[in-house]
Amino acid sequence: MPLTTAAQARTRFDLKSASLPVVAVVLKTADTAQFAADLAERVADAPGFFDNDPVLIDLGAVKDAGAPIDFAAIAALLRSHGTLPVAVRGGSPAQMEAARAAGLAAAPDAAPARAEAAAPEVHEVVREVEVVREVEVVREVPMPGPGAVVVDKPLRSGQQVYARGADLVVLAVVSFGAEVIADGNIHVYAPLRGRAIAGARGDTSARIFSTCLEPQLVSIAGIYRTTETELPDNVRGKGAQVRLEGEKLLFEPL
């Protein structure tokens, strides 16, 4: 039988540093029951929104919370919605120790912004939309980097298109009851009458453009507005864009 030396064994694998894109979930309450209710409500309308995405739990907003955090329960809740919680950051020493005891790694805090380039912001990955039943998924397009998904056929009620990691360009009508979702911008060169959700994973710079703005709902990075609030006369049924300023949606003519 051939002998395996220590040197040979060491060549069978390598140890290298690596970076991994993760979804940051900003925890805003130490109350597990409240977090569970909020999480279930906000992802119920988007089945499959998470696709075994690695998750970093950001504790900056609850660092001074007096109540302990049940990290095992938080991690179980996140896993139940299709995520893989792997680490925490920004907590107090006691919180970080409790997280490590629950099997979560301690990640370094976000680096401060440099003078020449601002550091990426961490956004809460949630979105609120109206209830959609029996949604027919027309296309879900995973993309590794910047790009655009182009749809040139009308979208009827109950159909959904999601451009993962990309902009979405629609060249035909988005009917009432249809839904267009993009991690980037949404361009509709036709009447937009259904739901449009841009910046679905927290990109606050995303925008929605349409040559005829008549939407059921528009949303950017989780901030949304429905038809219950009348659109201004200068954009309703006209060419317009929707963008986010702080936590307010702005509607502007094109």
Protein backbone atom coordinates (compact mmCIF):
# COMPACT_ATOMS: atom_id res chain seq x y z
CA MET A 1 0.00 0.00 0.00
CA PRO A 2 1.50 3.38 -1.00
CA LEU A 3 2.39 5.68 1.84
CA THR A 4 0.95 9.19 2.03
CA THR A 5 3.41 11.72 3.38
CA ALA A 6 2.45 14.90 5.21
CA ALA A 7 3.75 16.95 2.28
CA GLN A 8 1.52 15.05 -0.18
CA ALA A 9 -1.49 15.51 2.07
CA ARG A 10 -0.96 19.25 2.19
CA THR A 11 -1.16 19.50 -1.63
CA ARG A 12 -4.69 18.07 -1.77
CA PHE A 13 -6.32 21.37 -0.86
CA ASP A 14 -5.46 25.05 -0.62
CA LEU A 15 -6.47 27.70 1.88
CA LYS A 16 -7.10 31.10 0.32
CA SER A 17 -8.90 34.25 1.32
CA ALA A 18 -12.18 34.86 -0.49
CA SER A 19 -14.99 37.39 -0.56
CA LEU A 20 -18.65 36.37 -0.73
CA PRO A 21 -21.59 38.63 -1.59
CA VAL A 22 -24.21 38.47 1.16
CA VAL A 23 -27.59 39.98 1.91
CA ALA A 24 -27.52 42.24 4.97
CA VAL A 25 -30.60 42.09 7.18
CA VAL A 26 -30.69 45.06 9.54
CA LEU A 27 -32.29 43.91 12.79
CA LYS A 28 -34.39 46.68 14.33
CA THR A 29 -35.94 44.83 17.26
CA ALA A 30 -34.76 42.35 19.87
CA ASP A 31 -38.29 40.93 20.06
CA THR A 32 -38.17 37.61 18.20
CA ALA A 33 -41.95 37.35 17.85
CA GLN A 34 -42.16 40.83 16.36
CA PHE A 35 -39.33 40.10 13.96
CA ALA A 36 -41.02 36.86 12.90
CA ALA A 37 -44.31 38.63 12.20
CA ASP A 38 -42.66 41.45 10.26
CA LEU A 39 -40.50 39.09 8.21
CA ALA A 40 -43.41 36.81 7.34
CA GLU A 41 -45.59 39.76 6.32
CA ARG A 42 -42.98 41.38 4.14
CA VAL A 43 -41.86 38.31 2.20
CA ALA A 44 -45.25 36.57 1.93
CA ASP A 45 -46.02 38.29 -1.35
CA ALA A 46 -42.73 37.29 -2.96
CA PRO A 47 -42.32 33.50 -2.74
CA GLY A 48 -38.85 32.53 -3.88
CA PHE A 49 -37.49 36.05 -3.42
CA PHE A 50 -34.58 34.59 -1.48
CA ASP A 51 -32.67 31.77 -3.12
CA ASN A 52 -30.46 30.34 -0.37
CA ASP A 53 -28.75 33.72 -0.13
CA PRO A 54 -26.05 34.02 2.56
CA VAL A 55 -27.22 36.51 5.19
CA LEU A 56 -25.32 38.87 7.45
CA ILE A 57 -27.34 40.06 10.46
CA ASP A 58 -26.54 43.69 11.21
CA LEU A 59 -27.04 44.54 14.90
CA GLY A 60 -26.13 48.21 14.76
CA ALA A 61 -29.71 49.36 15.36
CA VAL A 62 -30.18 47.10 18.44
CA LYS A 63 -26.69 47.31 19.90
CA ASP A 64 -27.99 49.13 22.98
CA ALA A 65 -31.13 47.02 23.41
CA GLY A 66 -31.55 45.86 26.98
CA ALA A 67 -33.31 42.60 26.11
CA PRO A 68 -31.23 39.62 24.98
CA ILE A 69 -31.57 38.42 21.39
CA ASP A 70 -32.45 34.80 20.67
CA PHE A 71 -30.03 34.27 17.78
CA ALA A 72 -30.91 30.60 17.36
CA ALA A 73 -34.56 31.55 16.79
CA ILE A 74 -33.64 34.47 14.49
CA ALA A 75 -31.41 32.20 12.40
CA ALA A 76 -34.14 29.54 12.20
CA LEU A 77 -36.64 32.14 11.00
CA LEU A 78 -34.28 33.38 8.31
CA ARG A 79 -33.58 29.83 7.14
CA SER A 80 -37.31 29.14 6.92
CA HIS A 81 -37.56 31.93 4.34
CA GLY A 82 -34.83 30.59 2.08
CA THR A 83 -31.72 32.30 3.45
CA LEU A 84 -28.51 31.01 5.01
CA PRO A 85 -27.56 33.15 8.05
CA VAL A 86 -23.80 32.98 8.45
CA ALA A 87 -22.61 35.95 10.48
CA VAL A 88 -23.44 38.99 12.60
CA ARG A 89 -21.81 42.36 13.02
CA GLY A 90 -22.17 45.63 14.88
CA GLY A 91 -23.50 44.20 18.16
CA SER A 92 -22.43 44.70 21.74
CA PRO A 93 -19.81 42.30 23.19
CA ALA A 94 -22.59 40.31 24.90
CA GLN A 95 -24.63 40.10 21.69
CA MET A 96 -21.63 39.00 19.65
CA GLU A 97 -20.80 36.31 22.18
CA ALA A 98 -24.42 35.07 22.14
CA ALA A 99 -24.36 35.01 18.33
CA ARG A 100 -21.14 32.96 18.32
CA ALA A 101 -22.73 30.53 20.77
CA ALA A 102 -25.59 30.11 18.26
CA GLY A 103 -23.13 29.17 15.51
CA LEU A 104 -22.88 32.55 13.76
CA ALA A 105 -19.52 34.05 12.85
CA ALA A 106 -18.48 37.53 13.92
CA ALA A 107 -17.97 39.78 10.89
CA PRO A 108 -16.03 43.05 11.00
CA ASP A 109 -17.99 46.27 11.09
CA ALA A 110 -18.45 48.16 7.84
CA ALA A 111 -15.44 50.24 6.91
CA PRO A 112 -15.91 54.02 7.11
CA ALA A 113 -16.38 55.94 3.88
CA ARG A 114 -13.26 57.20 2.16
CA ALA A 115 -12.99 60.78 0.97
CA GLU A 116 -12.77 59.77 -2.68
CA ALA A 117 -15.41 57.03 -2.66
CA ALA A 118 -18.29 56.47 -0.30
CA ALA A 119 -18.62 53.01 1.25
CA PRO A 120 -21.67 50.97 0.18
CA GLU A 121 -24.68 51.47 2.40
CA VAL A 122 -26.41 48.52 4.05
CA HIS A 123 -30.10 48.44 3.33
CA GLU A 124 -32.79 46.37 4.92
CA VAL A 125 -33.83 43.77 2.39
CA VAL A 126 -37.57 43.93 2.61
CA ARG A 127 -40.35 45.05 0.35
CA GLU A 128 -44.04 45.62 0.70
CA VAL A 129 -46.47 44.86 -2.12
CA GLU A 130 -50.15 44.12 -2.47
CA VAL A 131 -51.33 40.52 -2.16
CA VAL A 132 -51.03 38.66 -5.46
CA ARG A 133 -52.71 35.28 -5.71
CA GLU A 134 -51.88 32.56 -8.22
CA VAL A 135 -49.05 34.55 -9.76
CA GLU A 136 -47.84 33.10 -13.04
CA VAL A 137 -44.08 33.56 -13.21
CA VAL A 138 -43.25 34.34 -16.82
CA ARG A 139 -39.51 34.66 -16.42
CA GLU A 140 -36.94 34.89 -13.66
CA VAL A 141 -33.52 35.74 -14.99
CA PRO A 142 -30.50 35.39 -12.70
CA MET A 143 -27.62 37.55 -13.87
CA PRO A 144 -24.09 37.69 -12.46
CA GLY A 145 -23.59 41.42 -12.85
CA PRO A 146 -24.92 44.65 -14.36
CA GLY A 147 -27.10 44.16 -17.40
CA ALA A 148 -30.66 44.39 -18.60
CA VAL A 149 -33.53 41.99 -19.21
CA VAL A 150 -35.74 42.95 -22.17
CA VAL A 151 -39.37 41.88 -22.43
CA ASP A 152 -41.11 42.69 -25.71
CA LYS A 153 -44.52 41.09 -25.13
CA PRO A 154 -47.48 42.48 -23.15
CA LEU A 155 -47.79 41.27 -19.57
CA ARG A 156 -51.31 40.35 -18.56
CA SER A 157 -52.86 40.16 -15.11
CA GLY A 158 -51.22 37.51 -12.92
CA GLN A 159 -47.92 37.46 -14.79
CA GLN A 160 -44.63 38.42 -13.19
CA VAL A 161 -41.13 39.18 -14.48
CA TYR A 162 -38.17 39.49 -12.12
CA ALA A 163 -34.79 40.75 -13.38
CA ARG A 164 -32.42 39.49 -10.69
CA GLY A 165 -29.29 41.61 -10.44
CA ALA A 166 -30.23 43.68 -13.49
CA ASP A 167 -32.39 46.42 -14.98
CA LEU A 168 -35.68 45.50 -16.62
CA VAL A 169 -36.84 46.97 -19.94
CA VAL A 170 -40.43 46.31 -21.03
CA LEU A 171 -41.48 47.29 -24.56
CA ALA A 172 -45.17 46.51 -24.19
CA VAL A 173 -48.04 47.24 -21.82
CA VAL A 174 -47.87 46.04 -18.21
CA SER A 175 -51.54 45.33 -17.53
CA PHE A 176 -53.42 45.82 -14.28
CA GLY A 177 -52.58 42.84 -12.05
CA ALA A 178 -49.20 42.15 -13.70
CA GLU A 179 -45.96 42.67 -11.78
CA VAL A 180 -42.50 43.75 -12.94
CA ILE A 181 -39.60 43.49 -10.47
CA ALA A 182 -35.94 44.41 -10.87
CA ASP A 183 -32.95 44.69 -8.58
CA GLY A 184 -32.01 47.73 -10.69
CA ASN A 185 -34.09 50.19 -12.71
CA ILE A 186 -37.36 49.53 -14.52
CA HIS A 187 -38.09 51.04 -17.94
CA VAL A 188 -41.58 50.59 -19.43
CA TYR A 189 -41.94 52.04 -22.93
CA ALA A 190 -45.70 51.57 -22.85
CA PRO A 191 -48.53 52.03 -20.34
CA LEU A 192 -47.56 50.86 -16.85
CA ARG A 193 -50.79 49.83 -15.16
CA GLY A 194 -49.69 46.99 -12.89
CA ARG A 195 -47.12 46.84 -10.09
CA ALA A 196 -43.52 48.00 -10.58
CA ILE A 197 -40.91 47.20 -7.92
CA ALA A 198 -37.41 48.57 -8.55
CA GLY A 199 -34.37 48.25 -6.28
CA ALA A 200 -35.93 45.05 -4.97
CA ARG A 201 -32.83 44.18 -2.94
CA GLY A 202 -32.35 47.59 -1.40
CA ASP A 203 -30.84 49.76 -4.16
CA THR A 204 -32.09 53.23 -3.22
CA SER A 205 -30.67 54.73 -6.43
CA ALA A 206 -32.98 52.64 -8.62
CA ARG A 207 -35.66 54.39 -10.66
CA ILE A 208 -38.86 53.59 -12.52
CA PHE A 209 -39.51 55.09 -15.96
CA SER A 210 -42.65 54.85 -18.08
CA THR A 211 -44.05 56.61 -21.13
CA CYS A 212 -47.52 56.31 -19.59
CA LEU A 213 -47.58 56.12 -15.80
CA GLU A 214 -50.83 54.58 -14.49
CA PRO A 215 -49.57 52.06 -11.90
CA GLN A 216 -51.38 50.01 -9.29
CA LEU A 217 -48.27 50.22 -7.15
CA VAL A 218 -44.72 51.50 -7.43
CA SER A 219 -41.94 50.63 -5.01
CA ILE A 220 -38.26 51.47 -4.73
CA ALA A 221 -36.11 49.74 -2.11
CA GLY A 222 -39.19 48.87 -0.04
CA ILE A 223 -40.77 52.36 -0.09
CA TYR A 224 -44.06 52.06 -1.94
CA ARG A 225 -47.16 53.91 -3.04
CA THR A 226 -50.47 52.51 -4.27
CA THR A 227 -53.39 53.89 -6.25
CA GLU A 228 -55.09 54.76 -2.97
CA THR A 229 -53.02 57.96 -3.24
CA GLU A 230 -53.82 59.85 -6.45
CA LEU A 231 -50.87 60.65 -8.69
CA PRO A 232 -50.16 64.30 -9.52
CA ASP A 233 -51.84 65.56 -12.70
CA ASN A 234 -48.51 66.32 -14.36
CA VAL A 235 -47.46 62.64 -14.35
CA ARG A 236 -50.69 60.60 -14.31
CA GLY A 237 -51.05 58.87 -17.69
CA LYS A 238 -47.94 60.66 -19.01
CA GLY A 239 -44.25 60.04 -19.45
CA ALA A 240 -42.68 60.16 -15.99
CA GLN A 241 -40.03 58.80 -13.69
CA VAL A 242 -40.19 57.69 -10.06
CA ARG A 243 -37.18 58.05 -7.79
CA LEU A 244 -36.43 57.92 -4.09
CA GLU A 245 -35.36 60.91 -2.04
CA GLY A 246 -34.71 59.86 1.54
CA GLU A 247 -37.80 57.80 2.39
CA LYS A 248 -40.12 59.64 -0.01
CA LEU A 249 -41.04 58.68 -3.58
CA LEU A 250 -40.85 61.54 -6.06
CA PHE A 251 -42.84 61.57 -9.31
CA GLU A 252 -41.40 63.76 -12.06
CA PRO A 253 -42.37 64.32 -15.70
CA LEU A 254 -39.93 63.12 -18.35
